[in-house]
């Protein structure tokens, strides 16, 4: 279950998670590892202030929402091989 972003949240609080980025304008979604975001944005400081840097790759809008998910199955997961 994804967790919403809190205003005082920083990326260091969500290590090991998957970030779900969603465009508020068109609904386009993308999943990114928190480690990749940490290398680009830095680990400390409020994340809500840095969301303005994101732009939707489909429509170009800068209205991005972020949620963090934890227990995800990897791609290509087969339940009963």
Protein backbone atom coordinates (compact mmCIF):
# COMPACT_ATOMS: atom_id res chain seq x y z
CA UNK A 1 0.00 0.00 0.00
CA UNK A 2 1.51 3.36 -0.98
CA UNK A 3 2.21 5.95 1.66
CA UNK A 4 1.48 9.64 0.93
CA UNK A 5 4.17 12.29 1.18
CA UNK A 6 4.27 14.35 4.35
CA UNK A 7 5.53 17.96 4.17
CA UNK A 8 8.52 17.28 6.44
CA UNK A 9 9.44 14.07 4.64
CA UNK A 10 12.89 13.63 3.11
CA UNK A 11 14.22 10.81 0.94
CA UNK A 12 16.36 9.44 3.76
CA UNK A 13 13.12 8.49 5.56
CA UNK A 14 12.11 6.21 2.68
CA UNK A 15 15.28 4.23 1.86
CA UNK A 16 14.54 0.89 0.24
CA UNK A 17 11.18 2.00 -1.12
CA UNK A 18 9.81 2.56 -4.58
CA UNK A 19 8.57 6.05 -5.43
CA UNK A 20 5.39 6.26 -7.50
CA UNK A 21 5.37 9.53 -9.41
CA UNK A 22 1.99 10.53 -10.86
CA UNK A 23 1.13 13.51 -13.03
CA UNK A 24 -1.88 15.38 -11.63
CA UNK A 25 -2.74 16.77 -15.07
CA UNK A 26 -2.88 13.64 -17.27
CA UNK A 27 -2.55 10.73 -14.81
CA UNK A 28 0.70 9.34 -16.29
CA UNK A 29 2.56 7.18 -13.74
CA UNK A 30 6.16 6.09 -13.33
CA UNK A 31 7.90 4.01 -10.65
CA UNK A 32 11.43 5.00 -9.63
CA UNK A 33 13.66 3.61 -6.91
CA UNK A 34 14.31 5.96 -4.01
CA UNK A 35 18.05 5.32 -4.38
CA UNK A 36 17.95 6.80 -7.91
CA UNK A 37 16.05 9.86 -6.67
CA UNK A 38 18.50 10.27 -3.78
CA UNK A 39 21.46 10.40 -6.16
CA UNK A 40 19.77 13.13 -8.24
CA UNK A 41 18.01 15.23 -5.57
CA UNK A 42 20.08 14.55 -2.45
CA UNK A 43 18.99 12.67 0.64
CA UNK A 44 18.29 15.48 3.11
CA UNK A 45 15.91 18.43 3.01
CA UNK A 46 12.14 18.51 2.47
CA UNK A 47 11.10 16.59 -0.60
CA UNK A 48 7.91 18.60 -1.17
CA UNK A 49 9.99 21.65 -2.14
CA UNK A 50 11.93 19.63 -4.74
CA UNK A 51 8.91 18.21 -6.56
CA UNK A 52 8.77 21.34 -8.71
CA UNK A 53 11.80 20.03 -10.62
CA UNK A 54 9.82 17.11 -12.00
CA UNK A 55 8.05 17.36 -15.35
CA UNK A 56 5.68 14.80 -16.86
CA UNK A 57 7.26 13.03 -19.84
CA UNK A 58 3.87 12.71 -21.53
CA UNK A 59 2.22 16.15 -21.23
CA UNK A 60 5.02 18.37 -19.85
CA UNK A 61 3.09 19.54 -16.77
CA UNK A 62 4.95 20.22 -13.53
CA UNK A 63 2.14 19.06 -11.20
CA UNK A 64 3.62 15.81 -9.87
CA UNK A 65 2.38 13.81 -6.88
CA UNK A 66 4.58 11.25 -5.15
CA UNK A 67 3.79 8.22 -2.99
CA UNK A 68 6.09 5.60 -1.54
CA UNK A 69 5.41 1.88 -1.79
CA UNK A 70 7.27 -0.90 -0.03
CA UNK A 71 6.56 -4.62 -0.47
CA UNK A 72 6.51 -4.87 -4.28
CA UNK A 73 6.91 -7.98 -6.39
CA UNK A 74 9.76 -7.69 -8.89
CA UNK A 75 9.03 -7.48 -12.61
CA UNK A 76 8.48 -10.86 -14.21
CA UNK A 77 7.40 -12.44 -10.90
CA UNK A 78 5.86 -15.88 -11.33
CA UNK A 79 3.83 -17.12 -8.37
CA UNK A 80 4.09 -20.85 -9.13
CA UNK A 81 6.95 -21.60 -11.51
